[in-house]
């Protein structure tokens, strides 16, 4: 659970004292990705690459979409190669 706390910044010292007595607004933010376990890049990058390559196998893609997916594959491969070196 993530809590967002919002307060106002007082314009002078008198306002600062009165703002301390005012209530703080707390908003609850619900996010599904925060409940998922965090996986290292060494695990997620190969999975991403497989997904993108599977999308590339679709013959109904237009030229721009294929180019974008090829660029994404290239980026993921570079990230995988650099993570193996370091």
Protein backbone atom coordinates (compact mmCIF):
# COMPACT_ATOMS: atom_id res chain seq x y z
CA UNK A 1 0.00 0.00 0.00
CA UNK A 2 1.29 3.45 -0.91
CA UNK A 3 0.13 6.51 0.98
CA UNK A 4 0.26 9.93 -0.57
CA UNK A 5 0.40 12.79 1.92
CA UNK A 6 -0.41 16.25 0.69
CA UNK A 7 0.30 19.42 2.63
CA UNK A 8 0.44 23.05 1.61
CA UNK A 9 3.55 25.17 1.87
CA UNK A 10 2.88 28.27 4.00
CA UNK A 11 3.66 31.70 2.60
CA UNK A 12 4.88 33.17 5.91
CA UNK A 13 5.71 32.12 9.47
CA UNK A 14 2.24 32.93 10.86
CA UNK A 15 0.65 30.63 8.28
CA UNK A 16 3.20 27.95 9.18
CA UNK A 17 1.97 27.85 12.76
CA UNK A 18 -1.71 27.65 11.78
CA UNK A 19 -1.00 25.00 9.14
CA UNK A 20 0.49 22.71 11.79
CA UNK A 21 -2.92 22.51 13.43
CA UNK A 22 -4.74 21.76 10.17
CA UNK A 23 -5.41 18.12 9.29
CA UNK A 24 -3.19 16.28 6.83
CA UNK A 25 -4.95 14.78 3.84
CA UNK A 26 -4.09 11.13 3.30
CA UNK A 27 -5.04 9.42 0.07
CA UNK A 28 -4.73 5.68 -0.43
CA UNK A 29 -3.37 4.68 -3.82
CA UNK A 30 -3.99 1.13 -4.95
CA UNK A 31 -1.64 -0.32 -7.53
CA UNK A 32 -1.62 -3.92 -8.76
CA UNK A 33 2.07 -3.89 -9.75
CA UNK A 34 3.14 -3.09 -6.20
CA UNK A 35 1.79 -6.45 -5.03
CA UNK A 36 3.95 -8.38 -7.49
CA UNK A 37 7.37 -9.69 -6.49
CA UNK A 38 10.36 -7.79 -7.84
CA UNK A 39 12.36 -9.86 -10.31
CA UNK A 40 15.96 -9.17 -11.34
CA UNK A 41 16.68 -8.02 -14.90
CA UNK A 42 18.49 -11.30 -15.59
CA UNK A 43 15.12 -13.02 -15.21
CA UNK A 44 12.79 -10.46 -16.77
CA UNK A 45 14.82 -9.48 -19.85
CA UNK A 46 14.81 -12.98 -21.43
CA UNK A 47 11.05 -13.20 -20.80
CA UNK A 48 10.55 -9.78 -22.43
CA UNK A 49 12.65 -10.86 -25.39
CA UNK A 50 10.55 -13.99 -25.86
CA UNK A 51 7.34 -11.94 -25.78
CA UNK A 52 8.63 -9.43 -28.33
CA UNK A 53 9.91 -12.19 -30.63
CA UNK A 54 6.50 -13.88 -30.41
CA UNK A 55 4.85 -10.59 -31.41
CA UNK A 56 7.26 -10.32 -34.36
CA UNK A 57 6.08 -13.72 -35.61
CA UNK A 58 2.67 -12.17 -36.28
CA UNK A 59 2.44 -11.66 -40.04
CA UNK A 60 -0.33 -9.05 -39.74
CA UNK A 61 1.97 -6.36 -38.34
CA UNK A 62 2.61 -3.25 -40.39
CA UNK A 63 6.13 -2.11 -41.27
CA UNK A 64 6.32 0.55 -38.53
CA UNK A 65 5.26 -1.93 -35.83
CA UNK A 66 7.79 -4.52 -37.01
CA UNK A 67 10.54 -1.89 -36.96
CA UNK A 68 9.58 -0.84 -33.43
CA UNK A 69 9.62 -4.46 -32.24
CA UNK A 70 13.01 -5.10 -33.92
CA UNK A 71 14.41 -2.05 -32.10
CA UNK A 72 13.01 -3.36 -28.83
CA UNK A 73 14.62 -6.76 -29.42
CA UNK A 74 17.94 -5.11 -30.17
CA UNK A 75 17.76 -3.05 -26.99
CA UNK A 76 16.92 -6.08 -24.85
CA UNK A 77 19.76 -8.09 -26.42
CA UNK A 78 22.21 -5.26 -25.69
CA UNK A 79 21.02 -5.08 -22.09
CA UNK A 80 21.42 -8.84 -21.74
CA UNK A 81 24.93 -8.72 -23.23
CA UNK A 82 26.04 -5.87 -20.99
CA UNK A 83 24.65 -7.53 -17.86
CA UNK A 84 26.68 -10.68 -18.62
CA UNK A 85 29.89 -8.66 -18.94
CA UNK A 86 29.57 -6.80 -15.64
